Amino acid sequence: QQFLLGGFAVDNPTLNRFFALHYLLPFMIAGVVILHIWALHVTGQTNPTGVEVKSKTDTVPFTPYATLKDALGVSVFLIAYAWFIFYMPNFLGHPDNYIMADPLKTPAHIVPEWYYLPFYAMLRAITFNVGPIDSKLGGVLVMFGAIIVLFFLPWLDTSKVRS
């Protein structure tokens, strides 16, 4: 906890660390996307029927198939995103965000946004200590473990068909 927070409580070192994380994370994601596109461009996509790749004709070329598909997906996303940003900016906002904040009174019921609910449930599910690991750290470990399992999912697949 001291390593993450930079002390015993949230303070200036904590804000500096999380600011650096939020600044660098988009660049790291962009780097992974570039590596992914490069890997697709070099090896090509596998045949969707599950045929094992033995020659160049068994793969689908990157251009124009993947390029057009990705361009269409990005275009649809950007149009929908721009629609919400320019014409309905408050549509996805929660009504509680418009209540004036009172620093002397904690809200009665604080609930995370819907996209954080699975992680919130994992954090709340661990209510017991296991040896030197307290319940808060256990919840965080379970939450990150669920994300790490998704990373290893391609290697956990034992199907003979690879499509």
N, C-alpha and C. Protein backbone atom coordinates (compact mmCIF):
# COMPACT_ATOMS: atom_id res chain seq x y z
N GLN A 1 0.83 -1.18 0.00
CA GLN A 1 0.00 0.00 0.00
C GLN A 1 0.88 1.26 0.00
N GLN A 2 1.97 1.23 0.75
CA GLN A 2 2.84 2.40 0.77
C GLN A 2 3.50 2.62 -0.57
N PHE A 3 3.82 1.52 -1.28
CA PHE A 3 4.45 1.66 -2.59
C PHE A 3 3.49 2.30 -3.58
N LEU A 4 2.23 1.86 -3.56
CA LEU A 4 1.24 2.39 -4.50
C LEU A 4 0.87 3.83 -4.17
N LEU A 5 0.61 4.09 -2.90
CA LEU A 5 0.17 5.42 -2.49
C LEU A 5 1.32 6.40 -2.29
N GLY A 6 2.52 5.90 -2.07
CA GLY A 6 3.65 6.78 -1.79
C GLY A 6 3.66 7.25 -0.35
N GLY A 7 2.92 6.59 0.50
CA GLY A 7 2.84 6.95 1.91
C GLY A 7 1.71 6.18 2.55
N PHE A 8 1.25 6.67 3.70
CA PHE A 8 0.19 5.97 4.42
C PHE A 8 -1.21 6.43 4.00
N ALA A 9 -1.28 7.53 3.26
CA ALA A 9 -2.58 8.06 2.83
C ALA A 9 -2.44 8.64 1.42
N VAL A 10 -3.57 8.94 0.82
CA VAL A 10 -3.56 9.57 -0.50
C VAL A 10 -3.02 10.99 -0.34
N ASP A 11 -1.94 11.27 -1.07
CA ASP A 11 -1.30 12.57 -0.95
C ASP A 11 -0.70 12.94 -2.30
N ASN A 12 0.17 13.91 -2.33
CA ASN A 12 0.76 14.38 -3.58
C ASN A 12 1.51 13.28 -4.35
N PRO A 13 2.30 12.41 -3.70
CA PRO A 13 2.95 11.33 -4.48
C PRO A 13 1.94 10.40 -5.15
N THR A 14 0.81 10.15 -4.49
CA THR A 14 -0.22 9.30 -5.09
C THR A 14 -0.76 9.94 -6.36
N LEU A 15 -1.07 11.22 -6.29
CA LEU A 15 -1.61 11.91 -7.45
C LEU A 15 -0.59 11.95 -8.58
N ASN A 16 0.68 12.16 -8.26
CA ASN A 16 1.72 12.16 -9.29
C ASN A 16 1.83 10.80 -9.97
N ARG A 17 1.76 9.73 -9.19
CA ARG A 17 1.88 8.39 -9.77
C ARG A 17 0.70 8.06 -10.67
N PHE A 18 -0.50 8.37 -10.21
CA PHE A 18 -1.66 8.05 -11.03
C PHE A 18 -1.78 8.98 -12.24
N PHE A 19 -1.30 10.21 -12.11
CA PHE A 19 -1.27 11.09 -13.28
C PHE A 19 -0.32 10.53 -14.33
N ALA A 20 0.85 10.06 -13.89
CA ALA A 20 1.80 9.46 -14.84
C ALA A 20 1.20 8.22 -15.48
N LEU A 21 0.49 7.41 -14.69
CA LEU A 21 -0.15 6.21 -15.24
C LEU A 21 -1.20 6.59 -16.28
N HIS A 22 -2.04 7.58 -15.98
CA HIS A 22 -3.07 7.98 -16.93
C HIS A 22 -2.50 8.66 -18.15
N TYR A 23 -1.33 9.24 -18.02
CA TYR A 23 -0.69 9.87 -19.18
C TYR A 23 -0.05 8.81 -20.08
N LEU A 24 0.60 7.80 -19.49
CA LEU A 24 1.33 6.81 -20.28
C LEU A 24 0.45 5.68 -20.82
N LEU A 25 -0.65 5.38 -20.15
CA LEU A 25 -1.48 4.25 -20.55
C LEU A 25 -2.00 4.34 -21.98
N PRO A 26 -2.48 5.47 -22.48
CA PRO A 26 -2.91 5.52 -23.89
C PRO A 26 -1.78 5.23 -24.87
N PHE A 27 -0.57 5.68 -24.55
CA PHE A 27 0.56 5.39 -25.44
C PHE A 27 0.91 3.90 -25.42
N MET A 28 0.80 3.28 -24.24
CA MET A 28 1.07 1.84 -24.16
C MET A 28 0.02 1.06 -24.94
N ILE A 29 -1.24 1.47 -24.83
CA ILE A 29 -2.31 0.80 -25.58
C ILE A 29 -2.10 0.98 -27.07
N ALA A 30 -1.72 2.19 -27.50
CA ALA A 30 -1.45 2.43 -28.92
C ALA A 30 -0.30 1.56 -29.40
N GLY A 31 0.73 1.38 -28.59
CA GLY A 31 1.84 0.51 -28.95
C GLY A 31 1.40 -0.93 -29.13
N VAL A 32 0.54 -1.42 -28.24
CA VAL A 32 0.04 -2.80 -28.36
C VAL A 32 -0.82 -2.94 -29.61
N VAL A 33 -1.62 -1.93 -29.93
CA VAL A 33 -2.44 -1.98 -31.15
C VAL A 33 -1.55 -2.01 -32.39
N ILE A 34 -0.49 -1.21 -32.39
CA ILE A 34 0.44 -1.22 -33.53
C ILE A 34 1.12 -2.57 -33.66
N LEU A 35 1.54 -3.16 -32.55
CA LEU A 35 2.13 -4.50 -32.59
C LEU A 35 1.14 -5.53 -33.13
N HIS A 36 -0.12 -5.41 -32.71
CA HIS A 36 -1.15 -6.34 -33.17
C HIS A 36 -1.37 -6.21 -34.68
N ILE A 37 -1.47 -4.99 -35.17
CA ILE A 37 -1.66 -4.78 -36.61
C ILE A 37 -0.44 -5.27 -37.38
N TRP A 38 0.76 -5.03 -36.86
CA TRP A 38 1.97 -5.50 -37.52
C TRP A 38 1.99 -7.03 -37.58
N ALA A 39 1.61 -7.68 -36.48
CA ALA A 39 1.58 -9.15 -36.47
C ALA A 39 0.56 -9.68 -37.48
N LEU A 40 -0.59 -9.03 -37.58
CA LEU A 40 -1.58 -9.44 -38.58
C LEU A 40 -1.06 -9.21 -39.99
N HIS A 41 -0.35 -8.12 -40.19
CA HIS A 41 0.15 -7.79 -41.52
C HIS A 41 1.24 -8.77 -41.96
N VAL A 42 2.07 -9.20 -41.04
CA VAL A 42 3.18 -10.11 -41.37
C VAL A 42 2.66 -11.52 -41.62
N THR A 43 1.87 -12.06 -40.70
CA THR A 43 1.45 -13.46 -40.82
C THR A 43 0.15 -13.62 -41.58
N GLY A 44 -0.68 -12.62 -41.63
CA GLY A 44 -1.99 -12.75 -42.26
C GLY A 44 -2.98 -13.39 -41.30
N GLN A 45 -4.25 -13.28 -41.63
CA GLN A 45 -5.28 -13.86 -40.79
C GLN A 45 -5.46 -15.33 -41.13
N THR A 46 -5.88 -16.12 -40.15
CA THR A 46 -6.13 -17.52 -40.42
C THR A 46 -7.45 -17.68 -41.15
N ASN A 47 -7.58 -18.79 -41.81
CA ASN A 47 -8.80 -19.09 -42.54
C ASN A 47 -9.92 -19.33 -41.53
N PRO A 48 -11.08 -18.69 -41.67
CA PRO A 48 -12.15 -18.86 -40.69
C PRO A 48 -12.73 -20.26 -40.62
N THR A 49 -12.46 -21.11 -41.61
CA THR A 49 -12.98 -22.48 -41.56
C THR A 49 -12.13 -23.37 -40.68
N GLY A 50 -11.01 -22.89 -40.17
CA GLY A 50 -10.18 -23.69 -39.29
C GLY A 50 -9.13 -24.52 -40.00
N VAL A 51 -8.91 -24.28 -41.29
CA VAL A 51 -7.91 -25.03 -42.04
C VAL A 51 -6.53 -24.64 -41.53
N GLU A 52 -5.67 -25.63 -41.28
CA GLU A 52 -4.32 -25.34 -40.81
C GLU A 52 -3.51 -24.69 -41.93
N VAL A 53 -2.75 -23.67 -41.59
CA VAL A 53 -2.00 -22.90 -42.58
C VAL A 53 -0.79 -23.69 -43.03
N LYS A 54 -0.77 -24.02 -44.34
CA LYS A 54 0.37 -24.73 -44.92
C LYS A 54 1.03 -23.92 -46.02
N SER A 55 0.29 -23.02 -46.62
CA SER A 55 0.85 -22.17 -47.67
C SER A 55 0.22 -20.79 -47.57
N LYS A 56 0.71 -19.88 -48.38
CA LYS A 56 0.22 -18.50 -48.36
C LYS A 56 -1.25 -18.41 -48.78
N THR A 57 -1.72 -19.36 -49.57
CA THR A 57 -3.11 -19.33 -50.03
C THR A 57 -4.09 -19.72 -48.92
N ASP A 58 -3.59 -20.27 -47.82
CA ASP A 58 -4.47 -20.64 -46.71
C ASP A 58 -4.78 -19.47 -45.79
N THR A 59 -4.20 -18.31 -46.04
CA THR A 59 -4.45 -17.14 -45.21
C THR A 59 -5.21 -16.08 -46.00
N VAL A 60 -5.83 -15.19 -45.27
CA VAL A 60 -6.54 -14.06 -45.87
C VAL A 60 -5.58 -12.87 -45.83
N PRO A 61 -5.33 -12.19 -46.95
CA PRO A 61 -4.39 -11.06 -46.92
C PRO A 61 -4.91 -9.91 -46.07
N PHE A 62 -3.97 -9.19 -45.47
CA PHE A 62 -4.33 -8.09 -44.57
C PHE A 62 -5.06 -6.98 -45.31
N THR A 63 -4.50 -6.59 -46.46
CA THR A 63 -5.12 -5.55 -47.27
C THR A 63 -5.73 -6.20 -48.49
N PRO A 64 -6.92 -5.96 -48.83
CA PRO A 64 -7.88 -4.95 -48.38
C PRO A 64 -8.85 -5.44 -47.31
N TYR A 65 -8.85 -6.73 -46.97
CA TYR A 65 -9.92 -7.27 -46.12
C TYR A 65 -9.91 -6.67 -44.71
N ALA A 66 -8.83 -6.82 -43.99
CA ALA A 66 -8.78 -6.31 -42.61
C ALA A 66 -8.76 -4.79 -42.59
N THR A 67 -8.11 -4.17 -43.57
CA THR A 67 -8.04 -2.71 -43.61
C THR A 67 -9.42 -2.10 -43.76
N LEU A 68 -10.21 -2.62 -44.69
CA LEU A 68 -11.56 -2.08 -44.90
C LEU A 68 -12.47 -2.37 -43.71
N LYS A 69 -12.34 -3.56 -43.15
CA LYS A 69 -13.17 -3.91 -42.00
C LYS A 69 -12.85 -3.01 -40.81
N ASP A 70 -11.57 -2.78 -40.54
CA ASP A 70 -11.18 -1.91 -39.44
C ASP A 70 -11.59 -0.46 -39.70
N ALA A 71 -11.43 -0.01 -40.95
CA ALA A 71 -11.82 1.37 -41.28
C ALA A 71 -13.32 1.57 -41.09
N LEU A 72 -14.12 0.58 -41.48
CA LEU A 72 -15.57 0.68 -41.29
C LEU A 72 -15.91 0.71 -39.80
N GLY A 73 -15.30 -0.16 -39.02
CA GLY A 73 -15.56 -0.18 -37.58
C GLY A 73 -15.18 1.11 -36.89
N VAL A 74 -14.02 1.66 -37.23
CA VAL A 74 -13.58 2.92 -36.63
C VAL A 74 -14.51 4.06 -37.06
N SER A 75 -14.94 4.06 -38.32
CA SER A 75 -15.84 5.12 -38.80
C SER A 75 -17.18 5.09 -38.07
N VAL A 76 -17.76 3.91 -37.92
CA VAL A 76 -19.04 3.80 -37.21
C VAL A 76 -18.88 4.25 -35.77
N PHE A 77 -17.80 3.83 -35.12
CA PHE A 77 -17.56 4.24 -33.74
C PHE A 77 -17.41 5.75 -33.63
N LEU A 78 -16.62 6.36 -34.50
CA LEU A 78 -16.39 7.80 -34.42
C LEU A 78 -17.66 8.60 -34.68
N ILE A 79 -18.51 8.12 -35.59
CA ILE A 79 -19.78 8.81 -35.84
C ILE A 79 -20.69 8.73 -34.62
N ALA A 80 -20.80 7.54 -34.02
CA ALA A 80 -21.63 7.39 -32.82
C ALA A 80 -21.06 8.20 -31.66
N TYR A 81 -19.76 8.18 -31.51
CA TYR A 81 -19.10 8.95 -30.44
C TYR A 81 -19.32 10.45 -30.62
N ALA A 82 -19.14 10.93 -31.84
CA ALA A 82 -19.35 12.35 -32.12
C ALA A 82 -20.81 12.74 -31.89
N TRP A 83 -21.74 11.86 -32.23
CA TRP A 83 -23.16 12.14 -32.00
C TRP A 83 -23.42 12.38 -30.52
N PHE A 84 -22.91 11.50 -29.67
CA PHE A 84 -23.12 11.68 -28.24
C PHE A 84 -22.39 12.91 -27.71
N ILE A 85 -21.19 13.17 -28.18
CA ILE A 85 -20.41 14.30 -27.68
C ILE A 85 -21.05 15.63 -28.06
N PHE A 86 -21.48 15.78 -29.31
CA PHE A 86 -21.95 17.08 -29.79
C PHE A 86 -23.45 17.30 -29.62
N TYR A 87 -24.26 16.26 -29.66
CA TYR A 87 -25.71 16.45 -29.63
C TYR A 87 -26.37 16.00 -28.33
N MET A 88 -25.77 15.06 -27.61
CA MET A 88 -26.36 14.58 -26.36
C MET A 88 -25.27 14.40 -25.30
N PRO A 89 -24.59 15.45 -24.89
CA PRO A 89 -23.45 15.27 -23.98
C PRO A 89 -23.83 14.76 -22.59
N ASN A 90 -25.04 15.01 -22.14
CA ASN A 90 -25.44 14.58 -20.80
C ASN A 90 -26.27 13.30 -20.81
N PHE A 91 -26.42 12.67 -21.95
CA PHE A 91 -27.31 11.51 -22.07
C PHE A 91 -26.85 10.34 -21.21
N LEU A 92 -25.55 10.08 -21.17
CA LEU A 92 -25.04 8.94 -20.43
C LEU A 92 -24.61 9.29 -19.01
N GLY A 93 -24.87 10.51 -18.59
CA GLY A 93 -24.49 10.93 -17.24
C GLY A 93 -25.50 10.45 -16.20
N HIS A 94 -25.03 10.24 -15.00
CA HIS A 94 -25.89 9.81 -13.90
C HIS A 94 -26.52 11.04 -13.26
N PRO A 95 -27.82 10.98 -12.88
CA PRO A 95 -28.48 12.15 -12.29
C PRO A 95 -27.83 12.62 -10.99
N ASP A 96 -27.20 11.70 -10.25
CA ASP A 96 -26.57 12.10 -8.99
C ASP A 96 -25.38 13.03 -9.21
N ASN A 97 -24.86 13.09 -10.41
CA ASN A 97 -23.73 13.97 -10.69
C ASN A 97 -24.13 15.44 -10.67
N TYR A 98 -25.42 15.74 -10.70
CA TYR A 98 -25.88 17.12 -10.71
C TYR A 98 -26.29 17.61 -9.32
N ILE A 99 -26.14 16.76 -8.31
CA ILE A 99 -26.42 17.17 -6.94
C ILE A 99 -25.19 17.90 -6.40
N MET A 100 -25.42 19.03 -5.77
CA MET A 100 -24.29 19.79 -5.21
C MET A 100 -23.60 18.96 -4.13
N ALA A 101 -22.28 18.97 -4.15
CA ALA A 101 -21.50 18.20 -3.20
C ALA A 101 -21.47 18.90 -1.85
N ASP A 102 -21.62 18.10 -0.79
CA ASP A 102 -21.52 18.60 0.57
C ASP A 102 -20.32 17.92 1.22
N PRO A 103 -19.21 18.65 1.45
CA PRO A 103 -18.02 18.00 1.99
C PRO A 103 -18.18 17.50 3.42
N LEU A 104 -19.24 17.91 4.11
CA LEU A 104 -19.43 17.48 5.49
C LEU A 104 -20.35 16.27 5.61
N LYS A 105 -20.93 15.83 4.51
CA LYS A 105 -21.89 14.72 4.59
C LYS A 105 -21.58 13.70 3.49
N THR A 106 -21.37 12.46 3.90
CA THR A 106 -21.13 11.38 2.94
C THR A 106 -22.46 10.93 2.36
N PRO A 107 -22.55 10.71 1.06
CA PRO A 107 -23.81 10.23 0.48
C PRO A 107 -24.24 8.90 1.10
N ALA A 108 -25.56 8.69 1.14
CA ALA A 108 -26.09 7.50 1.79
C ALA A 108 -25.69 6.22 1.06
N HIS A 109 -25.73 6.26 -0.23
CA HIS A 109 -25.46 5.04 -0.98
C HIS A 109 -24.59 5.38 -2.18
N ILE A 110 -23.35 4.92 -2.15
CA ILE A 110 -22.43 5.17 -3.25
C ILE A 110 -22.32 3.88 -4.06
N VAL A 111 -22.64 3.96 -5.33
CA VAL A 111 -22.59 2.80 -6.22
C VAL A 111 -21.76 3.17 -7.44
N PRO A 112 -20.85 2.29 -7.85
CA PRO A 112 -20.06 2.60 -9.05
C PRO A 112 -20.91 2.53 -10.31
N GLU A 113 -20.36 3.06 -11.38
CA GLU A 113 -21.04 2.98 -12.68
C GLU A 113 -21.20 1.52 -13.10
N TRP A 114 -22.07 1.26 -14.04
CA TRP A 114 -22.42 -0.11 -14.43
C TRP A 114 -21.21 -0.88 -14.94
N TYR A 115 -20.28 -0.21 -15.60
CA TYR A 115 -19.14 -0.93 -16.17
C TYR A 115 -18.12 -1.31 -15.11
N TYR A 116 -18.24 -0.77 -13.91
CA TYR A 116 -17.36 -1.17 -12.81
C TYR A 116 -18.01 -2.18 -11.88
N LEU A 117 -19.27 -2.52 -12.07
CA LEU A 117 -19.97 -3.39 -11.14
C LEU A 117 -19.35 -4.78 -10.98
N PRO A 118 -18.87 -5.45 -12.05
CA PRO A 118 -18.23 -6.76 -11.81
C PRO A 118 -16.99 -6.64 -10.91
N PHE A 119 -16.19 -5.61 -11.12
CA PHE A 119 -14.99 -5.43 -10.29
C PHE A 119 -15.37 -5.05 -8.86
N TYR A 120 -16.41 -4.24 -8.72
CA TYR A 120 -16.89 -3.86 -7.40
C TYR A 120 -17.38 -5.10 -6.64
N ALA A 121 -18.07 -6.00 -7.36
CA ALA A 121 -18.55 -7.23 -6.72
C ALA A 121 -17.38 -8.11 -6.29
N MET A 122 -16.33 -8.18 -7.11
CA MET A 122 -15.16 -8.97 -6.72
C MET A 122 -14.48 -8.39 -5.49
N LEU A 123 -14.38 -7.07 -5.43
CA LEU A 123 -13.77 -6.44 -4.26
C LEU A 123 -14.59 -6.67 -3.00
N ARG A 124 -15.90 -6.63 -3.12
CA ARG A 124 -16.77 -6.80 -1.95
C ARG A 124 -16.93 -8.26 -1.54
N ALA A 125 -16.66 -9.21 -2.47
CA ALA A 125 -16.87 -10.62 -2.17
C ALA A 125 -15.84 -11.16 -1.18
N ILE A 126 -14.64 -10.63 -1.20
CA ILE A 126 -13.59 -11.12 -0.30
C ILE A 126 -13.69 -10.35 1.01
N THR A 127 -14.22 -11.03 2.05
CA THR A 127 -14.43 -10.37 3.34
C THR A 127 -13.61 -11.01 4.45
N PHE A 128 -12.66 -11.87 4.09
CA PHE A 128 -11.90 -12.60 5.10
C PHE A 128 -10.41 -12.47 4.81
N ASN A 129 -9.61 -12.60 5.86
CA ASN A 129 -8.16 -12.54 5.72
C ASN A 129 -7.61 -13.95 5.51
N VAL A 130 -6.58 -14.06 4.67
CA VAL A 130 -5.91 -15.34 4.43
C VAL A 130 -4.45 -15.14 4.79
N GLY A 131 -4.06 -15.59 5.97
CA GLY A 131 -2.68 -15.42 6.41
C GLY A 131 -2.32 -13.94 6.48
N PRO A 132 -1.20 -13.56 5.84
CA PRO A 132 -0.80 -12.15 5.90
C PRO A 132 -1.57 -11.25 4.93
N ILE A 133 -2.40 -11.84 4.08
CA ILE A 133 -3.15 -11.06 3.08
C ILE A 133 -4.48 -10.65 3.68
N ASP A 134 -4.68 -9.33 3.85
CA ASP A 134 -5.95 -8.87 4.39
C ASP A 134 -7.03 -8.88 3.30
N SER A 135 -8.26 -8.64 3.70
CA SER A 135 -9.39 -8.78 2.78
C SER A 135 -9.34 -7.77 1.64
N LYS A 136 -8.86 -6.56 1.90
CA LYS A 136 -8.80 -5.55 0.83
C LYS A 136 -7.81 -5.97 -0.25
N LEU A 137 -6.62 -6.40 0.16
CA LEU A 137 -5.63 -6.86 -0.81
C LEU A 137 -6.12 -8.12 -1.52
N GLY A 138 -6.82 -9.00 -0.80
CA GLY A 138 -7.38 -10.20 -1.42
C GLY A 138 -8.37 -9.86 -2.51
N GLY A 139 -9.23 -8.87 -2.26
CA GLY A 139 -10.18 -8.45 -3.28
C GLY A 139 -9.49 -7.88 -4.50
N VAL A 140 -8.44 -7.10 -4.28
CA VAL A 140 -7.68 -6.54 -5.41
C VAL A 140 -7.00 -7.66 -6.19
N LEU A 141 -6.43 -8.65 -5.50
CA LEU A 141 -5.78 -9.77 -6.18
C LEU A 141 -6.79 -10.59 -6.99
N VAL A 142 -7.98 -10.80 -6.45
CA VAL A 142 -9.02 -11.52 -7.20
C VAL A 142 -9.43 -10.73 -8.43
N MET A 143 -9.56 -9.41 -8.29
CA MET A 143 -9.95 -8.57 -9.42
C MET A 143 -8.90 -8.63 -10.53
N PHE A 144 -7.62 -8.46 -10.18
CA PHE A 144 -6.57 -8.53 -11.19
C PHE A 144 -6.41 -9.95 -11.73
N GLY A 145 -6.67 -10.96 -10.89
CA GLY A 145 -6.62 -12.34 -11.37
C GLY A 145 -7.66 -12.61 -12.44
N ALA A 146 -8.85 -12.01 -12.29
CA ALA A 146 -9.88 -12.18 -13.32
C ALA A 146 -9.45 -11.56 -14.64
N ILE A 147 -8.73 -10.45 -14.57
CA ILE A 147 -8.25 -9.80 -15.80
C ILE A 147 -7.12 -10.62 -16.42
N ILE A 148 -6.23 -11.16 -15.59
CA ILE A 148 -5.10 -11.94 -16.09
C ILE A 148 -5.58 -13.24 -16.73
N VAL A 149 -6.65 -13.83 -16.21
CA VAL A 149 -7.21 -15.04 -16.84
C VAL A 149 -7.64 -14.74 -18.27
N LEU A 150 -8.20 -13.57 -18.52
CA LEU A 150 -8.59 -13.21 -19.88
C LEU A 150 -7.37 -13.12 -20.80
N PHE A 151 -6.22 -12.70 -20.25
CA PHE A 151 -5.00 -12.62 -21.06
C PHE A 151 -4.54 -14.02 -21.47
N PHE A 152 -4.65 -14.99 -20.58
CA PHE A 152 -4.18 -16.35 -20.86
C PHE A 152 -5.22 -17.22 -21.56
N LEU A 153 -6.39 -16.69 -21.84
CA LEU A 153 -7.46 -17.46 -22.47
C LEU A 153 -7.07 -18.11 -23.79
N PRO A 154 -6.32 -17.45 -24.68
CA PRO A 154 -5.96 -18.13 -25.93
C PRO A 154 -5.15 -19.40 -25.71
N TRP A 155 -4.34 -19.46 -24.68
CA TRP A 155 -3.53 -20.65 -24.43
C TRP A 155 -4.31 -21.70 -23.65
N LEU A 156 -5.40 -21.32 -23.03
CA LEU A 156 -6.23 -22.28 -22.30
C LEU A 156 -7.19 -23.03 -23.22
N ASP A 157 -7.37 -22.54 -24.44
CA ASP A 157 -8.26 -23.17 -25.40
C ASP A 157 -7.63 -24.47 -25.90
N THR A 158 -8.33 -25.59 -25.72
CA THR A 158 -7.80 -26.89 -26.14
C THR A 158 -8.49 -27.43 -27.38
N SER A 159 -9.24 -26.60 -28.07
CA SER A 159 -9.95 -27.05 -29.27
C SER A 159 -8.96 -27.36 -30.39
N LYS A 160 -9.26 -28.37 -31.18
CA LYS A 160 -8.40 -28.73 -32.31
C LYS A 160 -8.54 -27.72 -33.44
N VAL A 161 -9.71 -27.11 -33.56
CA VAL A 161 -9.94 -26.12 -34.62
C VAL A 161 -9.48 -24.76 -34.11
N ARG A 162 -8.60 -24.11 -34.83
CA ARG A 162 -8.05 -22.81 -34.43
C ARG A 162 -8.57 -21.72 -35.35
N SER A 163 -9.82 -21.37 -35.21
CA SER A 163 -10.38 -20.30 -36.05
C SER A 163 -11.11 -19.31 -35.19
